[in-house]
């Protein structure tokens, strides 16, 4: 069996505020008591930062967001612009407007309400499958 990441939990300061923000494009589950969103092949979960620190007993090592960057790869430059605009309308701070890199990728960066770094990218050198997931060669 190969390993799979099935759930990513973001520790947030205010679950209700973060839930409203992440409705910017993700579909929230109506059956979960916490905030769980369908995010392609994984579930994106929002949980109180304090509860997550206590549950994982991570207070001695966790000082902020841990340098994590969350990325969403999309199928076109136009989709990058759409996601960036949707994020900004939901309250994201745009850190870097979407631009083309010297090698052909097109991407932009924003911060969510808790300051977590997100990248939205179109990479013409990497294929997405029919479900919009990255296909990596074996």
Protein backbone atom coordinates (compact mmCIF):
# COMPACT_ATOMS: atom_id res chain seq x y z
CA UNK A 1 0.00 0.00 0.00
CA UNK A 2 1.41 3.41 -0.90
CA UNK A 3 1.07 6.26 1.59
CA UNK A 4 -1.69 8.81 1.06
CA UNK A 5 -2.26 12.19 2.64
CA UNK A 6 -5.97 12.15 3.33
CA UNK A 7 -6.53 15.22 5.50
CA UNK A 8 -4.79 18.54 6.09
CA UNK A 9 -5.82 20.39 9.25
CA UNK A 10 -5.13 24.10 9.55
CA UNK A 11 -4.98 25.51 13.07
CA UNK A 12 -6.93 28.78 12.99
CA UNK A 13 -7.58 31.62 15.42
CA UNK A 14 -11.32 31.81 14.69
CA UNK A 15 -13.03 28.74 13.21
CA UNK A 16 -16.17 30.62 12.10
CA UNK A 17 -14.14 33.34 10.32
CA UNK A 18 -11.86 30.79 8.68
CA UNK A 19 -14.86 28.69 7.61
CA UNK A 20 -16.41 31.72 5.90
CA UNK A 21 -13.08 32.45 4.18
CA UNK A 22 -12.54 28.91 2.89
CA UNK A 23 -15.99 28.83 1.34
CA UNK A 24 -14.22 30.86 -1.39
CA UNK A 25 -14.11 27.77 -3.55
CA UNK A 26 -14.11 24.65 -1.41
CA UNK A 27 -17.32 22.72 -0.69
CA UNK A 28 -18.05 22.37 3.04
CA UNK A 29 -19.39 19.10 4.38
CA UNK A 30 -22.80 19.47 6.01
CA UNK A 31 -22.39 16.26 8.00
CA UNK A 32 -19.28 17.19 9.98
CA UNK A 33 -19.43 18.98 13.32
CA UNK A 34 -16.20 20.83 12.58
CA UNK A 35 -15.31 22.62 9.35
CA UNK A 36 -14.35 20.01 6.77
CA UNK A 37 -14.06 20.85 3.08
CA UNK A 38 -13.71 18.71 -0.03
CA UNK A 39 -10.33 19.62 -1.53
CA UNK A 40 -9.70 17.25 -4.41
CA UNK A 41 -8.08 14.07 -3.18
CA UNK A 42 -7.78 15.30 0.42
CA UNK A 43 -9.98 16.87 3.07
CA UNK A 44 -9.13 20.36 4.30
CA UNK A 45 -10.09 20.71 7.97
CA UNK A 46 -10.20 23.83 10.14
CA UNK A 47 -9.70 23.49 13.87
CA UNK A 48 -8.98 25.85 16.71
CA UNK A 49 -5.23 26.53 16.95
CA UNK A 50 -5.35 26.11 20.74
CA UNK A 51 -7.21 22.79 20.52
CA UNK A 52 -4.75 21.52 17.92
CA UNK A 53 -1.77 22.53 20.08
CA UNK A 54 -3.25 20.73 23.07
CA UNK A 55 -4.33 17.62 21.15
CA UNK A 56 -0.93 17.19 19.47
CA UNK A 57 1.04 18.32 22.53
CA UNK A 58 2.96 20.55 20.13
CA UNK A 59 3.41 23.69 22.26
CA UNK A 60 7.16 23.15 22.64
CA UNK A 61 7.79 23.04 18.90
CA UNK A 62 5.02 25.05 17.24
CA UNK A 63 5.65 28.78 17.13
CA UNK A 64 3.63 29.85 14.07
CA UNK A 65 2.50 28.27 10.81
CA UNK A 66 5.65 26.17 10.54
CA UNK A 67 6.69 27.56 7.17
CA UNK A 68 3.96 25.67 5.35
CA UNK A 69 2.84 26.80 1.92
CA UNK A 70 -0.43 25.38 0.64
CA UNK A 71 -0.76 25.32 -3.14
CA UNK A 72 -3.61 24.94 -5.56
CA UNK A 73 -2.63 24.03 -9.11
CA UNK A 74 -5.16 24.90 -11.79
CA UNK A 75 -5.50 24.30 -15.52
CA UNK A 76 -4.94 27.83 -16.92
CA UNK A 77 -3.68 31.33 -16.25
CA UNK A 78 -7.30 32.51 -16.31
CA UNK A 79 -8.14 30.08 -13.50
CA UNK A 80 -5.22 31.45 -11.45
CA UNK A 81 -6.67 34.95 -11.82
CA UNK A 82 -10.16 33.72 -10.90
CA UNK A 83 -8.97 31.97 -7.73
CA UNK A 84 -6.83 34.96 -6.71
CA UNK A 85 -9.80 37.33 -7.18
CA UNK A 86 -12.09 35.01 -5.23
CA UNK A 87 -9.55 34.80 -2.40
CA UNK A 88 -9.16 38.59 -2.26
CA UNK A 89 -12.95 39.06 -2.21
CA UNK A 90 -13.13 36.60 0.71
CA UNK A 91 -10.61 38.67 2.70
CA UNK A 92 -7.22 37.28 1.68
CA UNK A 93 -4.22 39.57 1.66
CA UNK A 94 -2.65 39.44 -1.80
CA UNK A 95 1.10 39.06 -1.27
CA UNK A 96 2.18 38.72 -4.90
CA UNK A 97 -0.03 39.33 -7.90
CA UNK A 98 -0.06 36.47 -10.40
CA UNK A 99 2.82 36.75 -12.84
CA UNK A 100 4.59 34.59 -15.38
CA UNK A 101 7.96 33.16 -14.38
CA UNK A 102 10.95 33.02 -16.71
CA UNK A 103 10.40 29.27 -17.25
CA UNK A 104 6.67 29.50 -18.04
CA UNK A 105 4.78 28.96 -14.80
CA UNK A 106 2.10 31.52 -13.86
CA UNK A 107 1.37 31.97 -10.16
CA UNK A 108 0.37 34.33 -7.40
CA UNK A 109 0.42 34.27 -3.59
CA UNK A 110 -2.02 35.28 -0.88
CA UNK A 111 -2.29 34.95 2.89
CA UNK A 112 -5.40 33.54 4.54
CA UNK A 113 -6.89 35.26 7.65
CA UNK A 114 -4.36 33.45 9.87
CA UNK A 115 -1.38 34.52 7.75
CA UNK A 116 -0.89 31.13 6.08
CA UNK A 117 0.80 31.32 2.68
CA UNK A 118 -1.15 30.05 -0.32
CA UNK A 119 0.09 29.77 -3.89
CA UNK A 120 -2.23 29.48 -6.89
CA UNK A 121 -0.37 28.21 -9.95
CA UNK A 122 -0.67 27.11 -13.54
CA UNK A 123 2.29 25.03 -14.65
CA UNK A 124 2.26 24.18 -18.37
CA UNK A 125 4.98 21.59 -17.74
CA UNK A 126 2.91 19.55 -15.26
CA UNK A 127 -0.27 17.73 -16.23
CA UNK A 128 -3.43 17.64 -14.16
CA UNK A 129 -5.65 14.57 -14.47
CA UNK A 130 -9.39 14.66 -15.21
CA UNK A 131 -10.06 15.36 -11.51
CA UNK A 132 -7.68 18.35 -11.47
CA UNK A 133 -4.98 16.53 -9.49
CA UNK A 134 -1.28 16.64 -10.31
CA UNK A 135 0.05 13.66 -12.25
CA UNK A 136 3.63 12.88 -11.24
CA UNK A 137 5.76 10.43 -13.21
CA UNK A 138 6.68 7.28 -11.27
